[in-house]
């Protein structure tokens, strides 16, 4: 345990971590905590949680972050489909209104086990191409023709599709059903300032988030016309990440998006 915290006991290993070791424990002062050891500095994740919390989203309180060990409040419980999902939709729209004057973050952080580049860019298409596509393209084990199709898109069609300067919203960055606890609490962030549609595109990629969340978000901040086509392009980075982490089984999904975009 990091110094400054009481001794911990009643350790229980928790599931769900692909590349981190996660335990539930009880501190001597009665606090119920989660202790997470990851292959990267814990402060990166702690910073993301604090940023989301400051923007009004529900996140576990961070008790300590030292080296590779993060200690945060235990906020377990089953994933429900009650009113918490509507509240999350409203809170997410509100958090997306926390904006910067550029796209990126003050340092690189992590998307799963991978480094997520976040160099500041003045325009969204340039940031998206450099930090969310090219950053993963060379490292992904893709068939040469798929690489060529993505490269051709980066030379014009992709840049033409995306708006130059949408609001640079604070985004969670890795928001899917597995990173929502109890229909409310968000964990495992990969924060940055980006077009909010980038967040929503990943949320829709694998499903699992209930209609109540989507309806509440749409009521709070409706999307601009043409989002359906943009969503296909905005899903490409997360599919590239999945190819890098989990293998070639995600290549057909990449090809599907390219085909539907006519690229």
C-alpha atoms as a PDB file:
ATOM      1  CA  UNK A   1       0.000   0.000   0.000  1.00  0.00           C
ATOM      2  CA  UNK A   2       1.211   3.564  -0.662  1.00  0.00           C
ATOM      3  CA  UNK A   3       2.511   5.356   2.431  1.00  0.00           C
ATOM      4  CA  UNK A   4       0.038   7.521   4.325  1.00  0.00           C
ATOM      5  CA  UNK A   5      -2.777   4.992   4.186  1.00  0.00           C
ATOM      6  CA  UNK A   6      -3.760   2.675   7.041  1.00  0.00           C
ATOM      7  CA  UNK A   7      -2.993  -1.014   6.847  1.00  0.00           C
ATOM      8  CA  UNK A   8      -5.310  -3.077   4.675  1.00  0.00           C
ATOM      9  CA  UNK A   9      -6.817  -6.498   5.222  1.00  0.00           C
ATOM     10  CA  UNK A  10      -9.530  -8.835   3.927  1.00  0.00           C
ATOM     11  CA  UNK A  11      -8.051  -8.841   0.430  1.00  0.00           C
ATOM     12  CA  UNK A  12     -10.293 -10.132  -2.359  1.00  0.00           C
ATOM     13  CA  UNK A  13      -9.184 -10.361  -5.967  1.00  0.00           C
ATOM     14  CA  UNK A  14     -11.597  -8.761  -8.422  1.00  0.00           C
ATOM     15  CA  UNK A  15     -12.159  -9.810 -12.005  1.00  0.00           C
ATOM     16  CA  UNK A  16     -12.446  -7.653 -15.097  1.00  0.00           C
ATOM     17  CA  UNK A  17      -8.879  -6.417 -15.441  1.00  0.00           C
ATOM     18  CA  UNK A  18      -7.276  -7.414 -18.770  1.00  0.00           C
ATOM     19  CA  UNK A  19      -3.800  -6.025 -17.991  1.00  0.00           C
ATOM     20  CA  UNK A  20      -4.033  -4.856 -14.390  1.00  0.00           C
ATOM     21  CA  UNK A  21      -4.277  -6.690 -11.086  1.00  0.00           C
ATOM     22  CA  UNK A  22      -7.248  -5.459  -9.058  1.00  0.00           C
ATOM     23  CA  UNK A  23      -8.194  -6.221  -5.452  1.00  0.00           C
ATOM     24  CA  UNK A  24     -10.848  -5.132  -3.005  1.00  0.00           C
ATOM     25  CA  UNK A  25      -9.576  -4.514   0.532  1.00  0.00           C
ATOM     26  CA  UNK A  26     -10.637  -2.978   3.834  1.00  0.00           C
ATOM     27  CA  UNK A  27      -8.480  -0.285   5.416  1.00  0.00           C
ATOM     28  CA  UNK A  28      -7.982  -0.263   9.166  1.00  0.00           C
ATOM     29  CA  UNK A  29     -10.018   2.963   9.393  1.00  0.00           C
ATOM     30  CA  UNK A  30     -13.056   1.205   7.903  1.00  0.00           C
ATOM     31  CA  UNK A  31     -12.833   2.422   4.314  1.00  0.00           C
ATOM     32  CA  UNK A  32     -13.586  -0.110   1.604  1.00  0.00           C
ATOM     33  CA  UNK A  33     -11.115   0.364  -1.268  1.00  0.00           C
ATOM     34  CA  UNK A  34      -9.991  -0.963  -4.605  1.00  0.00           C
ATOM     35  CA  UNK A  35      -6.256  -1.445  -5.077  1.00  0.00           C
ATOM     36  CA  UNK A  36      -5.136  -1.542  -8.702  1.00  0.00           C
ATOM     37  CA  UNK A  37      -1.645  -2.321  -9.963  1.00  0.00           C
ATOM     38  CA  UNK A  38      -1.126  -1.430 -13.624  1.00  0.00           C
ATOM     39  CA  UNK A  39       1.878  -1.520 -15.977  1.00  0.00           C
ATOM     40  CA  UNK A  40       1.990   2.302 -16.109  1.00  0.00           C
ATOM     41  CA  UNK A  41       2.136   5.179 -13.583  1.00  0.00           C
ATOM     42  CA  UNK A  42      -0.990   5.227 -11.446  1.00  0.00           C
ATOM     43  CA  UNK A  43      -1.065   9.023 -11.437  1.00  0.00           C
ATOM     44  CA  UNK A  44      -2.093   8.958 -15.115  1.00  0.00           C
ATOM     45  CA  UNK A  45      -5.348   7.202 -14.254  1.00  0.00           C
ATOM     46  CA  UNK A  46      -5.826   9.200 -11.041  1.00  0.00           C
ATOM     47  CA  UNK A  47      -5.551  12.452 -12.997  1.00  0.00           C
ATOM     48  CA  UNK A  48      -8.204  11.301 -15.452  1.00  0.00           C
ATOM     49  CA  UNK A  49     -10.596  10.339 -12.675  1.00  0.00           C
ATOM     50  CA  UNK A  50     -10.124  13.692 -10.966  1.00  0.00           C
ATOM     51  CA  UNK A  51     -10.734  15.589 -14.214  1.00  0.00           C
ATOM     52  CA  UNK A  52     -13.977  13.715 -14.859  1.00  0.00           C
ATOM     53  CA  UNK A  53     -15.085  14.192 -11.261  1.00  0.00           C
ATOM     54  CA  UNK A  54     -14.425  17.935 -11.473  1.00  0.00           C
ATOM     55  CA  UNK A  55     -16.624  17.998 -14.598  1.00  0.00           C
ATOM     56  CA  UNK A  56     -19.545  16.539 -12.640  1.00  0.00           C
ATOM     57  CA  UNK A  57     -19.313  12.837 -13.467  1.00  0.00           C
ATOM     58  CA  UNK A  58     -19.439  10.170 -10.781  1.00  0.00           C
ATOM     59  CA  UNK A  59     -16.035   8.544 -10.315  1.00  0.00           C
ATOM     60  CA  UNK A  60     -14.436   6.663  -7.409  1.00  0.00           C
ATOM     61  CA  UNK A  61     -12.601   8.935  -4.993  1.00  0.00           C
ATOM     62  CA  UNK A  62      -8.844   8.578  -5.362  1.00  0.00           C
ATOM     63  CA  UNK A  63      -7.161   7.877  -2.000  1.00  0.00           C
ATOM     64  CA  UNK A  64      -3.595   7.445  -3.254  1.00  0.00           C
ATOM     65  CA  UNK A  65      -1.560   7.005  -6.439  1.00  0.00           C
ATOM     66  CA  UNK A  66       2.079   6.051  -6.195  1.00  0.00           C
ATOM     67  CA  UNK A  67       4.225   4.231  -8.702  1.00  0.00           C
ATOM     68  CA  UNK A  68       2.031   1.645 -10.378  1.00  0.00           C
ATOM     69  CA  UNK A  69      -0.484   1.392  -7.507  1.00  0.00           C
ATOM     70  CA  UNK A  70      -3.804   3.249  -7.463  1.00  0.00           C
ATOM     71  CA  UNK A  71      -6.053   3.148  -4.381  1.00  0.00           C
ATOM     72  CA  UNK A  72      -9.611   4.388  -4.784  1.00  0.00           C
ATOM     73  CA  UNK A  73     -12.952   4.054  -3.057  1.00  0.00           C
ATOM     74  CA  UNK A  74     -14.881   0.853  -3.715  1.00  0.00           C
ATOM     75  CA  UNK A  75     -18.066   1.699  -5.619  1.00  0.00           C
ATOM     76  CA  UNK A  76     -19.153  -1.808  -6.581  1.00  0.00           C
ATOM     77  CA  UNK A  77     -22.605  -3.109  -7.188  1.00  0.00           C
ATOM     78  CA  UNK A  78     -24.462  -4.639 -10.112  1.00  0.00           C
ATOM     79  CA  UNK A  79     -24.897  -2.746 -13.328  1.00  0.00           C
ATOM     80  CA  UNK A  80     -28.491  -1.573 -13.206  1.00  0.00           C
ATOM     81  CA  UNK A  81     -30.848  -0.162 -15.789  1.00  0.00           C
ATOM     82  CA  UNK A  82     -32.700   2.263 -13.556  1.00  0.00           C
ATOM     83  CA  UNK A  83     -32.713   6.021 -13.239  1.00  0.00           C
ATOM     84  CA  UNK A  84     -28.930   6.159 -12.871  1.00  0.00           C
ATOM     85  CA  UNK A  85     -28.525   5.742 -16.621  1.00  0.00           C
ATOM     86  CA  UNK A  86     -30.572   8.855 -17.378  1.00  0.00           C
ATOM     87  CA  UNK A  87     -28.568  10.793 -14.821  1.00  0.00           C
ATOM     88  CA  UNK A  88     -25.370   9.571 -16.458  1.00  0.00           C
ATOM     89  CA  UNK A  89     -26.578  10.728 -19.877  1.00  0.00           C
ATOM     90  CA  UNK A  90     -27.275  14.224 -18.562  1.00  0.00           C
ATOM     91  CA  UNK A  91     -23.997  14.339 -16.625  1.00  0.00           C
ATOM     92  CA  UNK A  92     -22.024  13.209 -19.670  1.00  0.00           C
ATOM     93  CA  UNK A  93     -23.545  15.946 -21.840  1.00  0.00           C
ATOM     94  CA  UNK A  94     -22.671  18.454 -19.116  1.00  0.00           C
ATOM     95  CA  UNK A  95     -19.088  17.150 -18.896  1.00  0.00           C
ATOM     96  CA  UNK A  96     -18.753  17.452 -22.672  1.00  0.00           C
ATOM     97  CA  UNK A  97     -19.436  21.178 -22.278  1.00  0.00           C
ATOM     98  CA  UNK A  98     -16.171  21.472 -20.368  1.00  0.00           C
ATOM     99  CA  UNK A  99     -13.981  22.550 -23.256  1.00  0.00           C
ATOM    100  CA  UNK A 100     -10.455  23.668 -24.104  1.00  0.00           C
ATOM    101  CA  UNK A 101      -9.227  25.897 -26.909  1.00  0.00           C
ATOM    102  CA  UNK A 102      -7.317  23.006 -28.521  1.00  0.00           C
ATOM    103  CA  UNK A 103      -7.556  19.241 -28.996  1.00  0.00           C
ATOM    104  CA  UNK A 104      -5.375  16.943 -26.906  1.00  0.00           C
ATOM    105  CA  UNK A 105      -4.155  16.794 -23.340  1.00  0.00           C
ATOM    106  CA  UNK A 106      -1.160  18.183 -21.480  1.00  0.00           C
ATOM    107  CA  UNK A 107       0.562  14.775 -21.602  1.00  0.00           C
ATOM    108  CA  UNK A 108       0.201  11.383 -23.187  1.00  0.00           C
ATOM    109  CA  UNK A 109      -1.815   8.868 -21.191  1.00  0.00           C
ATOM    110  CA  UNK A 110      -3.151   5.343 -21.802  1.00  0.00           C
ATOM    111  CA  UNK A 111      -5.856   3.619 -23.796  1.00  0.00           C
ATOM    112  CA  UNK A 112      -5.930   0.158 -22.291  1.00  0.00           C
ATOM    113  CA  UNK A 113      -2.314  -1.043 -22.189  1.00  0.00           C
ATOM    114  CA  UNK A 114      -1.203   1.277 -25.005  1.00  0.00           C
ATOM    115  CA  UNK A 115       0.236   4.763 -24.949  1.00  0.00           C
ATOM    116  CA  UNK A 116      -2.337   7.311 -26.128  1.00  0.00           C
ATOM    117  CA  UNK A 117      -0.621  10.296 -27.783  1.00  0.00           C
ATOM    118  CA  UNK A 118      -2.241  13.634 -26.950  1.00  0.00           C
ATOM    119  CA  UNK A 119      -0.113  16.351 -28.582  1.00  0.00           C
ATOM    120  CA  UNK A 120      -2.083  19.591 -28.797  1.00  0.00           C
ATOM    121  CA  UNK A 121      -3.570  20.501 -32.180  1.00  0.00           C
ATOM    122  CA  UNK A 122      -5.517  23.584 -33.195  1.00  0.00           C
ATOM    123  CA  UNK A 123      -7.905  21.658 -35.479  1.00  0.00           C
ATOM    124  CA  UNK A 124      -9.800  18.470 -34.796  1.00  0.00           C
ATOM    125  CA  UNK A 125      -9.137  16.583 -38.080  1.00  0.00           C
ATOM    126  CA  UNK A 126      -5.379  17.081 -37.698  1.00  0.00           C
ATOM    127  CA  UNK A 127      -5.432  15.811 -34.110  1.00  0.00           C
ATOM    128  CA  UNK A 128      -7.651  12.878 -35.019  1.00  0.00           C
ATOM    129  CA  UNK A 129      -5.458  11.841 -37.948  1.00  0.00           C
ATOM    130  CA  UNK A 130      -2.137  12.179 -36.114  1.00  0.00           C
ATOM    131  CA  UNK A 131      -2.970  11.062 -32.580  1.00  0.00           C
ATOM    132  CA  UNK A 132      -5.846   8.658 -33.060  1.00  0.00           C
ATOM    133  CA  UNK A 133      -5.206   7.050 -36.471  1.00  0.00           C
ATOM    134  CA  UNK A 134      -1.532   7.263 -37.440  1.00  0.00           C
ATOM    135  CA  UNK A 135      -0.435   6.620 -33.867  1.00  0.00           C
ATOM    136  CA  UNK A 136      -1.858   3.095 -34.129  1.00  0.00           C
ATOM    137  CA  UNK A 137      -1.774   2.404 -37.855  1.00  0.00           C
ATOM    138  CA  UNK A 138       1.878   1.390 -38.177  1.00  0.00           C
ATOM    139  CA  UNK A 139       1.755  -0.815 -35.078  1.00  0.00           C
ATOM    140  CA  UNK A 140      -1.450  -2.643 -36.011  1.00  0.00           C
ATOM    141  CA  UNK A 141      -1.029  -5.952 -37.857  1.00  0.00           C
ATOM    142  CA  UNK A 142      -3.232  -5.018 -40.810  1.00  0.00           C
ATOM    143  CA  UNK A 143      -3.358  -6.432 -44.336  1.00  0.00           C
ATOM    144  CA  UNK A 144      -1.434  -4.068 -46.664  1.00  0.00           C
ATOM    145  CA  UNK A 145      -4.547  -3.187 -48.660  1.00  0.00           C
ATOM    146  CA  UNK A 146      -6.404  -2.087 -45.506  1.00  0.00           C
ATOM    147  CA  UNK A 147      -3.446   0.101 -44.559  1.00  0.00           C
ATOM    148  CA  UNK A 148      -3.445   1.643 -48.019  1.00  0.00           C
ATOM    149  CA  UNK A 149      -7.173   2.380 -47.806  1.00  0.00           C
ATOM    150  CA  UNK A 150      -6.758   4.146 -44.479  1.00  0.00           C
ATOM    151  CA  UNK A 151      -3.758   6.091 -45.764  1.00  0.00           C
ATOM    152  CA  UNK A 152      -5.763   7.248 -48.795  1.00  0.00           C
ATOM    153  CA  UNK A 153      -8.567   8.380 -46.488  1.00  0.00           C
ATOM    154  CA  UNK A 154      -6.081  10.376 -44.418  1.00  0.00           C
ATOM    155  CA  UNK A 155      -4.983  12.234 -47.556  1.00  0.00           C
ATOM    156  CA  UNK A 156      -8.367  13.883 -48.010  1.00  0.00           C
ATOM    157  CA  UNK A 157     -11.698  12.113 -47.473  1.00  0.00           C
ATOM    158  CA  UNK A 158     -11.320  11.792 -43.703  1.00  0.00           C
ATOM    159  CA  UNK A 159     -10.198  15.407 -43.304  1.00  0.00           C
ATOM    160  CA  UNK A 160     -13.092  16.592 -45.470  1.00  0.00           C
ATOM    161  CA  UNK A 161     -15.645  14.624 -43.449  1.00  0.00           C
ATOM    162  CA  UNK A 162     -14.771  15.959 -39.991  1.00  0.00           C
ATOM    163  CA  UNK A 163     -15.526  19.526 -38.881  1.00  0.00           C
ATOM    164  CA  UNK A 164     -12.438  21.671 -38.367  1.00  0.00           C
ATOM    165  CA  UNK A 165     -13.226  23.106 -34.942  1.00  0.00           C
ATOM    166  CA  UNK A 166     -16.081  21.446 -33.068  1.00  0.00           C
ATOM    167  CA  UNK A 167     -16.107  22.071 -29.296  1.00  0.00           C
ATOM    168  CA  UNK A 168     -12.979  20.506 -27.769  1.00  0.00           C
ATOM    169  CA  UNK A 169     -14.926  18.580 -25.139  1.00  0.00           C
ATOM    170  CA  UNK A 170     -13.494  16.783 -22.156  1.00  0.00           C
ATOM    171  CA  UNK A 171     -14.036  13.094 -22.955  1.00  0.00           C
ATOM    172  CA  UNK A 172     -13.609   9.933 -20.913  1.00  0.00           C
ATOM    173  CA  UNK A 173     -12.012   8.367 -23.965  1.00  0.00           C
ATOM    174  CA  UNK A 174     -12.693   4.697 -23.235  1.00  0.00           C
ATOM    175  CA  UNK A 175     -16.372   4.759 -22.361  1.00  0.00           C
ATOM    176  CA  UNK A 176     -18.115   1.423 -22.876  1.00  0.00           C
ATOM    177  CA  UNK A 177     -20.427  -0.697 -20.754  1.00  0.00           C
ATOM    178  CA  UNK A 178     -17.554  -2.421 -18.952  1.00  0.00           C
ATOM    179  CA  UNK A 179     -16.277   0.910 -17.643  1.00  0.00           C
ATOM    180  CA  UNK A 180     -19.607   1.902 -16.079  1.00  0.00           C
ATOM    181  CA  UNK A 181     -20.434   0.500 -12.634  1.00  0.00           C
ATOM    182  CA  UNK A 182     -23.975   0.485 -11.290  1.00  0.00           C
ATOM    183  CA  UNK A 183     -25.255   2.597 -14.165  1.00  0.00           C
ATOM    184  CA  UNK A 184     -23.401   5.572 -12.704  1.00  0.00           C
ATOM    185  CA  UNK A 185     -19.726   5.270 -11.807  1.00  0.00           C
ATOM    186  CA  UNK A 186     -17.075   5.707 -14.506  1.00  0.00           C
ATOM    187  CA  UNK A 187     -13.693   3.986 -14.280  1.00  0.00           C
ATOM    188  CA  UNK A 188     -10.585   3.445 -16.457  1.00  0.00           C
ATOM    189  CA  UNK A 189     -10.501   6.815 -18.239  1.00  0.00           C
ATOM    190  CA  UNK A 190      -8.354   7.807 -21.224  1.00  0.00           C
ATOM    191  CA  UNK A 191      -9.134  11.509 -21.026  1.00  0.00           C
ATOM    192  CA  UNK A 192      -8.450  14.203 -23.595  1.00  0.00           C
ATOM    193  CA  UNK A 193     -10.164  17.165 -25.210  1.00  0.00           C
ATOM    194  CA  UNK A 194     -11.812  15.975 -28.422  1.00  0.00           C
ATOM    195  CA  UNK A 195     -14.964  16.222 -30.470  1.00  0.00           C
ATOM    196  CA  UNK A 196     -17.715  14.780 -28.267  1.00  0.00           C
ATOM    197  CA  UNK A 197     -18.847  12.663 -31.217  1.00  0.00           C
ATOM    198  CA  UNK A 198     -15.626  10.680 -30.804  1.00  0.00           C
ATOM    199  CA  UNK A 199     -16.792   9.613 -27.342  1.00  0.00           C
ATOM    200  CA  UNK A 200     -20.273   8.744 -28.546  1.00  0.00           C
ATOM    201  CA  UNK A 201     -18.905   6.741 -31.477  1.00  0.00           C
ATOM    202  CA  UNK A 202     -17.031   4.402 -29.167  1.00  0.00           C
ATOM    203  CA  UNK A 203     -19.991   4.136 -26.808  1.00  0.00           C
ATOM    204  CA  UNK A 204     -22.026   2.841 -29.752  1.00  0.00           C
ATOM    205  CA  UNK A 205     -19.357   0.509 -31.126  1.00  0.00           C
ATOM    206  CA  UNK A 206     -20.042  -2.603 -29.055  1.00  0.00           C
ATOM    207  CA  UNK A 207     -23.445  -1.764 -27.588  1.00  0.00           C
ATOM    208  CA  UNK A 208     -24.450  -2.607 -24.044  1.00  0.00           C
ATOM    209  CA  UNK A 209     -25.391   0.914 -22.946  1.00  0.00           C
ATOM    210  CA  UNK A 210     -29.156   1.284 -22.485  1.00  0.00           C
ATOM    211  CA  UNK A 211     -31.474   3.523 -24.454  1.00  0.00           C
ATOM    212  CA  UNK A 212     -32.176   5.614 -21.351  1.00  0.00           C
ATOM    213  CA  UNK A 213     -28.620   6.956 -21.389  1.00  0.00           C
ATOM    214  CA  UNK A 214     -28.720   7.840 -25.082  1.00  0.00           C
ATOM    215  CA  UNK A 215     -32.140   9.509 -24.853  1.00  0.00           C
ATOM    216  CA  UNK A 216     -31.102  11.603 -21.861  1.00  0.00           C
ATOM    217  CA  UNK A 217     -27.913  12.709 -23.599  1.00  0.00           C
ATOM    218  CA  UNK A 218     -29.768  13.631 -26.792  1.00  0.00           C
ATOM    219  CA  UNK A 219     -32.295  15.672 -24.814  1.00  0.00           C
ATOM    220  CA  UNK A 220     -29.496  17.505 -23.019  1.00  0.00           C
ATOM    221  CA  UNK A 221     -27.354  18.191 -26.112  1.00  0.00           C
ATOM    222  CA  UNK A 222     -28.688  17.051 -29.504  1.00  0.00           C
ATOM    223  CA  UNK A 223     -26.212  15.980 -32.169  1.00  0.00           C
ATOM    224  CA  UNK A 224     -25.592  17.935 -35.349  1.00  0.00           C
ATOM    225  CA  UNK A 225     -26.842  16.569 -38.668  1.00  0.00           C
ATOM    226  CA  UNK A 226     -24.602  14.081 -40.469  1.00  0.00           C
ATOM    227  CA  UNK A 227     -23.392  12.395 -37.300  1.00  0.00           C
ATOM    228  CA  UNK A 228     -24.221   8.920 -38.618  1.00  0.00           C
ATOM    229  CA  UNK A 229     -21.574   9.132 -41.361  1.00  0.00           C
ATOM    230  CA  UNK A 230     -19.020  10.758 -39.074  1.00  0.00           C
ATOM    231  CA  UNK A 231     -19.574   8.031 -36.504  1.00  0.00           C
ATOM    232  CA  UNK A 232     -18.281   5.374 -38.897  1.00  0.00           C
ATOM    233  CA  UNK A 233     -14.985   7.259 -39.255  1.00  0.00           C
ATOM    234  CA  UNK A 234     -14.751   8.076 -35.561  1.00  0.00           C
ATOM    235  CA  UNK A 235     -14.930   4.365 -34.719  1.00  0.00           C
ATOM    236  CA  UNK A 236     -11.750   3.605 -36.660  1.00  0.00           C
ATOM    237  CA  UNK A 237      -9.290   4.459 -33.832  1.00  0.00           C
ATOM    238  CA  UNK A 238     -10.856   2.132 -31.309  1.00  0.00           C
ATOM    239  CA  UNK A 239     -10.951  -0.667 -33.862  1.00  0.00           C
ATOM    240  CA  UNK A 240      -7.250  -0.088 -34.574  1.00  0.00           C
ATOM    241  CA  UNK A 241      -6.573  -0.275 -30.830  1.00  0.00           C
ATOM    242  CA  UNK A 242      -8.498  -3.542 -30.649  1.00  0.00           C
ATOM    243  CA  UNK A 243      -6.497  -4.969 -33.556  1.00  0.00           C
ATOM    244  CA  UNK A 244      -3.286  -4.064 -31.724  1.00  0.00           C
ATOM    245  CA  UNK A 245      -4.399  -5.481 -28.390  1.00  0.00           C
ATOM    246  CA  UNK A 246      -6.640  -8.410 -29.316  1.00  0.00           C
ATOM    247  CA  UNK A 247      -5.631  -9.361 -32.838  1.00  0.00           C
ATOM    248  CA  UNK A 248      -6.874  -9.705 -36.406  1.00  0.00           C
ATOM    249  CA  UNK A 249     -10.451 -10.671 -35.494  1.00  0.00           C
ATOM    250  CA  UNK A 250     -11.257  -6.933 -35.479  1.00  0.00           C
ATOM    251  CA  UNK A 251      -9.967  -6.307 -39.012  1.00  0.00           C
ATOM    252  CA  UNK A 252     -13.338  -7.138 -40.665  1.00  0.00           C
ATOM    253  CA  UNK A 253     -15.000  -4.419 -38.579  1.00  0.00           C
ATOM    254  CA  UNK A 254     -12.431  -1.934 -39.866  1.00  0.00           C
ATOM    255  CA  UNK A 255     -13.075  -3.021 -43.445  1.00  0.00           C
ATOM    256  CA  UNK A 256     -16.827  -2.707 -42.869  1.00  0.00           C
ATOM    257  CA  UNK A 257     -16.460   0.959 -41.854  1.00  0.00           C
ATOM    258  CA  UNK A 258     -14.205   1.710 -44.822  1.00  0.00           C
ATOM    259  CA  UNK A 259     -16.670   0.037 -47.197  1.00  0.00           C
ATOM    260  CA  UNK A 260     -19.651   1.943 -45.799  1.00  0.00           C
ATOM    261  CA  UNK A 261     -17.753   5.217 -46.086  1.00  0.00           C
ATOM    262  CA  UNK A 262     -16.764   4.446 -49.665  1.00  0.00           C
ATOM    263  CA  UNK A 263     -13.075   4.612 -48.838  1.00  0.00           C
END
